[in-house]
All heavy atoms as atom14 arrays in JSON, in Angstrom:
{
  "sequence": "GEEKAARWIETSKKFPHTPRLSDEQISRESMY",
  "atom14_mask": [
    [1, 1, 1, 1, 0, 0, 0, 0, 0, 0, 0, 0, 0, 0],
    [1, 1, 1, 1, 1, 1, 1, 1, 1, 0, 0, 0, 0, 0],
    [1, 1, 1, 1, 1, 1, 1, 1, 1, 0, 0, 0, 0, 0],
    [1, 1, 1, 1, 1, 1, 1, 1, 1, 0, 0, 0, 0, 0],
    [1, 1, 1, 1, 1, 0, 0, 0, 0, 0, 0, 0, 0, 0],
    [1, 1, 1, 1, 1, 0, 0, 0, 0, 0, 0, 0, 0, 0],
    [1, 1, 1, 1, 1, 1, 1, 1, 1, 1, 1, 0, 0, 0],
    [1, 1, 1, 1, 1, 1, 1, 1, 1, 1, 1, 1, 1, 1],
    [1, 1, 1, 1, 1, 1, 1, 1, 0, 0, 0, 0, 0, 0],
    [1, 1, 1, 1, 1, 1, 1, 1, 1, 0, 0, 0, 0, 0],
    [1, 1, 1, 1, 1, 1, 1, 0, 0, 0, 0, 0, 0, 0],
    [1, 1, 1, 1, 1, 1, 0, 0, 0, 0, 0, 0, 0, 0],
    [1, 1, 1, 1, 1, 1, 1, 1, 1, 0, 0, 0, 0, 0],
    [1, 1, 1, 1, 1, 1, 1, 1, 1, 0, 0, 0, 0, 0],
    [1, 1, 1, 1, 1, 1, 1, 1, 1, 1, 1, 0, 0, 0],
    [1, 1, 1, 1, 1, 1, 1, 0, 0, 0, 0, 0, 0, 0],
    [1, 1, 1, 1, 1, 1, 1, 1, 1, 1, 0, 0, 0, 0],
    [1, 1, 1, 1, 1, 1, 1, 0, 0, 0, 0, 0, 0, 0],
    [1, 1, 1, 1, 1, 1, 1, 0, 0, 0, 0, 0, 0, 0],
    [1, 1, 1, 1, 1, 1, 1, 1, 1, 1, 1, 0, 0, 0],
    [1, 1, 1, 1, 1, 1, 1, 1, 0, 0, 0, 0, 0, 0],
    [1, 1, 1, 1, 1, 1, 0, 0, 0, 0, 0, 0, 0, 0],
    [1, 1, 1, 1, 1, 1, 1, 1, 0, 0, 0, 0, 0, 0],
    [1, 1, 1, 1, 1, 1, 1, 1, 1, 0, 0, 0, 0, 0],
    [1, 1, 1, 1, 1, 1, 1, 1, 1, 0, 0, 0, 0, 0],
    [1, 1, 1, 1, 1, 1, 1, 1, 0, 0, 0, 0, 0, 0],
    [1, 1, 1, 1, 1, 1, 0, 0, 0, 0, 0, 0, 0, 0],
    [1, 1, 1, 1, 1, 1, 1, 1, 1, 1, 1, 0, 0, 0],
    [1, 1, 1, 1, 1, 1, 1, 1, 1, 0, 0, 0, 0, 0],
    [1, 1, 1, 1, 1, 1, 0, 0, 0, 0, 0, 0, 0, 0],
    [1, 1, 1, 1, 1, 1, 1, 1, 0, 0, 0, 0, 0, 0],
    [1, 1, 1, 1, 1, 1, 1, 1, 1, 1, 1, 1, 0, 0]
  ],
  "atom14_positions": [
    [[-9.26, 16.44, -9.02], [-8.64, 15.14, -8.84], [-7.24, 15.26, -8.27], [-6.83, 14.46, -7.42], [0.0, 0.0, 0.0], [0.0, 0.0, 0.0], [0.0, 0.0, 0.0], [0.0, 0.0, 0.0], [0.0, 0.0, 0.0], [0.0, 0.0, 0.0], [0.0, 0.0, 0.0], [0.0, 0.0, 0.0], [0.0, 0.0, 0.0], [0.0, 0.0, 0.0]],
    [[-6.49, 16.24, -8.74], [-5.13, 16.46, -8.25], [-5.12, 16.83, -6.77], [-4.28, 16.38, -6.0], [-4.43, 17.53, -9.08], [-4.16, 17.09, -10.5], [-3.78, 18.24, -11.41], [-3.96, 19.41, -11.03], [-3.3, 17.95, -12.52], [0.0, 0.0, 0.0], [0.0, 0.0, 0.0], [0.0, 0.0, 0.0], [0.0, 0.0, 0.0], [0.0, 0.0, 0.0]],
    [[-6.09, 17.66, -6.36], [-6.18, 18.06, -4.95], [-6.55, 16.87, -4.07], [-6.01, 16.7, -2.98], [-7.21, 19.18, -4.78], [-6.76, 20.49, -5.41], [-7.89, 21.51, -5.47], [-9.04, 21.13, -5.76], [-7.59, 22.69, -5.23], [0.0, 0.0, 0.0], [0.0, 0.0, 0.0], [0.0, 0.0, 0.0], [0.0, 0.0, 0.0], [0.0, 0.0, 0.0]],
    [[-7.48, 16.05, -4.56], [-7.86, 14.85, -3.8], [-6.68, 13.9, -3.66], [-6.45, 13.33, -2.6], [-9.03, 14.13, -4.47], [-10.34, 14.87, -4.37], [-11.44, 14.15, -5.11], [-12.73, 14.93, -5.09], [-13.79, 14.27, -5.85], [0.0, 0.0, 0.0], [0.0, 0.0, 0.0], [0.0, 0.0, 0.0], [0.0, 0.0, 0.0], [0.0, 0.0, 0.0]],
    [[-5.9, 13.74, -4.74], [-4.72, 12.87, -4.7], [-3.7, 13.41, -3.7], [-3.12, 12.64, -2.92], [-4.11, 12.74, -6.09], [0.0, 0.0, 0.0], [0.0, 0.0, 0.0], [0.0, 0.0, 0.0], [0.0, 0.0, 0.0], [0.0, 0.0, 0.0], [0.0, 0.0, 0.0], [0.0, 0.0, 0.0], [0.0, 0.0, 0.0], [0.0, 0.0, 0.0]],
    [[-3.49, 14.72, -3.7], [-2.54, 15.33, -2.77], [-2.98, 15.11, -1.33], [-2.16, 14.8, -0.46], [-2.38, 16.82, -3.07], [0.0, 0.0, 0.0], [0.0, 0.0, 0.0], [0.0, 0.0, 0.0], [0.0, 0.0, 0.0], [0.0, 0.0, 0.0], [0.0, 0.0, 0.0], [0.0, 0.0, 0.0], [0.0, 0.0, 0.0], [0.0, 0.0, 0.0]],
    [[-4.28, 15.25, -1.07], [-4.78, 15.01, 0.29], [-4.6, 13.56, 0.69], [-4.27, 13.25, 1.82], [-6.26, 15.4, 0.4], [-6.45, 16.88, 0.49], [-7.83, 17.21, 0.96], [-7.98, 18.64, 1.07], [-9.07, 19.23, 1.5], [-10.1, 18.5, 1.86], [-9.14, 20.53, 1.58], [0.0, 0.0, 0.0], [0.0, 0.0, 0.0], [0.0, 0.0, 0.0]],
    [[-4.84, 12.65, -0.26], [-4.67, 11.24, 0.04], [-3.21, 10.94, 0.38], [-2.91, 10.22, 1.33], [-5.14, 10.36, -1.11], [-4.73, 8.93, -0.91], [-3.85, 8.21, -1.63], [-5.18, 8.06, 0.13], [-3.72, 6.96, -1.11], [-4.53, 6.83, -0.03], [-6.08, 8.2, 1.2], [-4.72, 5.75, 0.82], [-6.27, 7.12, 2.04], [-5.61, 5.92, 1.85]],
    [[-2.29, 11.5, -0.37], [-0.87, 11.27, -0.12], [-0.5, 11.78, 1.27], [0.2, 11.1, 2.03], [-0.01, 11.93, -1.22], [-0.18, 11.15, -2.53], [1.45, 11.99, -0.81], [0.38, 11.85, -3.75], [0.0, 0.0, 0.0], [0.0, 0.0, 0.0], [0.0, 0.0, 0.0], [0.0, 0.0, 0.0], [0.0, 0.0, 0.0], [0.0, 0.0, 0.0]],
    [[-0.97, 12.97, 1.63], [-0.69, 13.52, 2.96], [-1.29, 12.64, 4.06], [-0.66, 12.38, 5.08], [-1.22, 14.95, 3.08], [-0.37, 15.96, 2.36], [1.07, 15.95, 2.82], [1.33, 16.01, 4.03], [1.96, 15.89, 1.95], [0.0, 0.0, 0.0], [0.0, 0.0, 0.0], [0.0, 0.0, 0.0], [0.0, 0.0, 0.0], [0.0, 0.0, 0.0]],
    [[-2.51, 12.16, 3.84], [-3.15, 11.31, 4.83], [-2.4, 9.98, 4.96], [-2.2, 9.48, 6.06], [-4.62, 11.03, 4.42], [-5.3, 12.28, 4.36], [-5.31, 10.13, 5.42], [0.0, 0.0, 0.0], [0.0, 0.0, 0.0], [0.0, 0.0, 0.0], [0.0, 0.0, 0.0], [0.0, 0.0, 0.0], [0.0, 0.0, 0.0], [0.0, 0.0, 0.0]],
    [[-1.96, 9.44, 3.84], [-1.29, 8.13, 3.87], [0.05, 8.2, 4.6], [0.53, 7.18, 5.1], [-1.1, 7.59, 2.46], [-0.18, 8.38, 1.74], [0.0, 0.0, 0.0], [0.0, 0.0, 0.0], [0.0, 0.0, 0.0], [0.0, 0.0, 0.0], [0.0, 0.0, 0.0], [0.0, 0.0, 0.0], [0.0, 0.0, 0.0], [0.0, 0.0, 0.0]],
    [[0.65, 9.37, 4.68], [1.91, 9.52, 5.41], [1.73, 9.27, 6.9], [2.7, 8.98, 7.6], [2.49, 10.91, 5.18], [3.02, 11.11, 3.78], [3.55, 12.52, 3.59], [4.04, 12.73, 2.16], [4.51, 14.11, 1.95], [0.0, 0.0, 0.0], [0.0, 0.0, 0.0], [0.0, 0.0, 0.0], [0.0, 0.0, 0.0], [0.0, 0.0, 0.0]],
    [[0.5, 9.35, 7.39], [0.21, 9.13, 8.81], [0.05, 7.66, 9.14], [0.03, 7.28, 10.31], [-1.05, 9.9, 9.21], [-0.91, 11.4, 9.03], [-2.22, 12.11, 9.29], [-2.09, 13.59, 8.95], [-3.36, 14.28, 9.01], [0.0, 0.0, 0.0], [0.0, 0.0, 0.0], [0.0, 0.0, 0.0], [0.0, 0.0, 0.0], [0.0, 0.0, 0.0]],
    [[-0.07, 6.81, 8.12], [-0.22, 5.38, 8.35], [1.11, 4.8, 8.8], [2.17, 5.28, 8.41], [-0.68, 4.66, 7.08], [-2.03, 5.06, 6.57], [-2.33, 4.96, 5.23], [-3.01, 5.54, 7.42], [-3.57, 5.32, 4.74], [-4.25, 5.91, 6.95], [-4.53, 5.79, 5.61], [0.0, 0.0, 0.0], [0.0, 0.0, 0.0], [0.0, 0.0, 0.0]],
    [[1.08, 3.73, 9.61], [2.34, 3.12, 10.02], [3.05, 2.49, 8.82], [2.4, 2.0, 7.89], [1.92, 2.05, 11.02], [0.5, 1.77, 10.72], [-0.07, 3.04, 10.15], [0.0, 0.0, 0.0], [0.0, 0.0, 0.0], [0.0, 0.0, 0.0], [0.0, 0.0, 0.0], [0.0, 0.0, 0.0], [0.0, 0.0, 0.0], [0.0, 0.0, 0.0]],
    [[4.37, 2.51, 8.85], [5.14, 1.92, 7.75], [5.07, 0.4, 7.87], [5.28, -0.16, 8.94], [6.6, 2.36, 7.8], [7.43, 1.66, 6.78], [7.32, 1.94, 5.44], [8.35, 0.68, 6.89], [8.14, 1.17, 4.76], [8.78, 0.39, 5.62], [0.0, 0.0, 0.0], [0.0, 0.0, 0.0], [0.0, 0.0, 0.0], [0.0, 0.0, 0.0]],
    [[4.75, -0.24, 6.8], [4.76, -1.7, 6.76], [5.59, -2.13, 5.56], [5.51, -1.5, 4.5], [3.34, -2.28, 6.64], [2.69, -1.69, 5.51], [2.51, -2.0, 7.87], [0.0, 0.0, 0.0], [0.0, 0.0, 0.0], [0.0, 0.0, 0.0], [0.0, 0.0, 0.0], [0.0, 0.0, 0.0], [0.0, 0.0, 0.0], [0.0, 0.0, 0.0]],
    [[6.37, -3.19, 5.73], [7.2, -3.62, 4.61], [6.34, -4.16, 3.47], [5.24, -4.69, 3.69], [8.07, -4.72, 5.21], [7.37, -5.16, 6.44], [6.54, -4.0, 6.91], [0.0, 0.0, 0.0], [0.0, 0.0, 0.0], [0.0, 0.0, 0.0], [0.0, 0.0, 0.0], [0.0, 0.0, 0.0], [0.0, 0.0, 0.0], [0.0, 0.0, 0.0]],
    [[6.85, -4.01, 2.26], [6.14, -4.53, 1.11], [6.2, -6.05, 1.1], [7.16, -6.64, 1.58], [6.76, -3.99, -0.17], [6.57, -2.51, -0.32], [7.18, -2.04, -1.6], [7.02, -0.6, -1.67], [6.92, 0.06, -2.8], [6.97, -0.55, -3.94], [6.78, 1.37, -2.77], [0.0, 0.0, 0.0], [0.0, 0.0, 0.0], [0.0, 0.0, 0.0]],
    [[5.17, -6.66, 0.54], [5.14, -8.11, 0.41], [5.88, -8.5, -0.85], [5.8, -7.83, -1.88], [3.7, -8.61, 0.36], [2.86, -8.35, 1.62], [1.42, -8.76, 1.37], [3.43, -9.1, 2.8], [0.0, 0.0, 0.0], [0.0, 0.0, 0.0], [0.0, 0.0, 0.0], [0.0, 0.0, 0.0], [0.0, 0.0, 0.0], [0.0, 0.0, 0.0]],
    [[6.57, -9.63, -0.79], [7.28, -10.12, -1.96], [6.29, -10.74, -2.94], [5.14, -11.03, -2.59], [8.31, -11.16, -1.55], [7.64, -12.33, -1.09], [0.0, 0.0, 0.0], [0.0, 0.0, 0.0], [0.0, 0.0, 0.0], [0.0, 0.0, 0.0], [0.0, 0.0, 0.0], [0.0, 0.0, 0.0], [0.0, 0.0, 0.0], [0.0, 0.0, 0.0]],
    [[6.76, -10.97, -4.15], [5.91, -11.64, -5.15], [5.48, -13.01, -4.64], [4.35, -13.44, -4.86], [6.65, -11.77, -6.48], [6.81, -10.43, -7.18], [6.07, -9.49, -6.83], [7.66, -10.33, -8.09], [0.0, 0.0, 0.0], [0.0, 0.0, 0.0], [0.0, 0.0, 0.0], [0.0, 0.0, 0.0], [0.0, 0.0, 0.0], [0.0, 0.0, 0.0]],
    [[6.38, -13.69, -3.96], [6.06, -15.02, -3.41], [4.94, -14.92, -2.37], [4.03, -15.73, -2.35], [7.31, -15.64, -2.78], [7.06, -16.91, -1.99], [6.44, -18.04, -2.81], [6.69, -18.11, -4.03], [5.71, -18.84, -2.22], [0.0, 0.0, 0.0], [0.0, 0.0, 0.0], [0.0, 0.0, 0.0], [0.0, 0.0, 0.0], [0.0, 0.0, 0.0]],
    [[5.0, -13.92, -1.51], [4.0, -13.77, -0.46], [2.61, -13.47, -1.0], [1.62, -13.78, -0.35], [4.42, -12.67, 0.51], [5.63, -13.05, 1.35], [6.15, -11.86, 2.14], [6.35, -10.78, 1.58], [6.38, -12.07, 3.42], [0.0, 0.0, 0.0], [0.0, 0.0, 0.0], [0.0, 0.0, 0.0], [0.0, 0.0, 0.0], [0.0, 0.0, 0.0]],
    [[2.53, -12.87, -2.18], [1.21, -12.55, -2.73], [0.84, -13.45, -3.9], [-0.12, -13.18, -4.61], [1.14, -11.07, -3.16], [2.16, -10.74, -4.24], [1.26, -10.15, -1.96], [1.98, -9.36, -4.85], [0.0, 0.0, 0.0], [0.0, 0.0, 0.0], [0.0, 0.0, 0.0], [0.0, 0.0, 0.0], [0.0, 0.0, 0.0], [0.0, 0.0, 0.0]],
    [[1.58, -14.51, -4.07], [1.26, -15.43, -5.17], [0.01, -16.24, -4.82], [-0.32, -16.45, -3.65], [2.42, -16.39, -5.43], [2.56, -17.28, -4.35], [0.0, 0.0, 0.0], [0.0, 0.0, 0.0], [0.0, 0.0, 0.0], [0.0, 0.0, 0.0], [0.0, 0.0, 0.0], [0.0, 0.0, 0.0], [0.0, 0.0, 0.0], [0.0, 0.0, 0.0]],
    [[-0.66, -16.68, -5.83], [-1.86, -17.5, -5.65], [-1.53, -18.76, -4.84], [-2.29, -19.16, -3.96], [-2.45, -17.89, -7.0], [-3.66, -18.8, -6.9], [-4.23, -19.14, -8.25], [-4.95, -18.07, -8.88], [-6.17, -17.65, -8.53], [-6.78, -18.21, -7.53], [-6.76, -16.69, -9.19], [0.0, 0.0, 0.0], [0.0, 0.0, 0.0], [0.0, 0.0, 0.0]],
    [[-0.38, -19.33, -5.11], [0.01, -20.56, -4.42], [0.15, -20.34, -2.91], [-0.27, -21.17, -2.12], [1.32, -21.1, -5.0], [1.2, -21.65, -6.41], [1.18, -20.55, -7.47], [1.59, -19.41, -7.2], [0.71, -20.85, -8.58], [0.0, 0.0, 0.0], [0.0, 0.0, 0.0], [0.0, 0.0, 0.0], [0.0, 0.0, 0.0], [0.0, 0.0, 0.0]],
    [[0.73, -19.21, -2.51], [0.9, -18.97, -1.08], [-0.42, -18.64, -0.4], [-0.61, -18.94, 0.77], [1.92, -17.86, -0.83], [1.4, -16.61, -1.22], [0.0, 0.0, 0.0], [0.0, 0.0, 0.0], [0.0, 0.0, 0.0], [0.0, 0.0, 0.0], [0.0, 0.0, 0.0], [0.0, 0.0, 0.0], [0.0, 0.0, 0.0], [0.0, 0.0, 0.0]],
    [[-1.35, -18.03, -1.13], [-2.64, -17.69, -0.55], [-3.52, -18.92, -0.37], [-4.33, -18.99, 0.55], [-3.37, -16.67, -1.42], [-2.78, -15.3, -1.38], [-3.83, -14.18, -2.32], [-2.62, -13.05, -2.93], [0.0, 0.0, 0.0], [0.0, 0.0, 0.0], [0.0, 0.0, 0.0], [0.0, 0.0, 0.0], [0.0, 0.0, 0.0], [0.0, 0.0, 0.0]],
    [[-3.38, -19.86, -1.27], [-4.25, -21.03, -1.24], [-3.46, -22.32, -1.05], [-3.85, -23.37, -1.52], [-5.05, -21.13, -2.55], [-5.95, -19.93, -2.77], [-5.63, -18.94, -3.69], [-7.13, -19.8, -2.04], [-6.45, -17.85, -3.88], [-7.96, -18.71, -2.23], [-7.6, -17.74, -3.15], [-8.42, -16.67, -3.34], [0.0, 0.0, 0.0], [0.0, 0.0, 0.0]]
  ]
}
């Protein structure tokens, strides 16, 4: 499991950086 997690972390470093969404942006009210 630790090796799989380490591989996932390395793979995820290749993804483009995207800013985190705020609590407001992911609230139920904003989605609907």
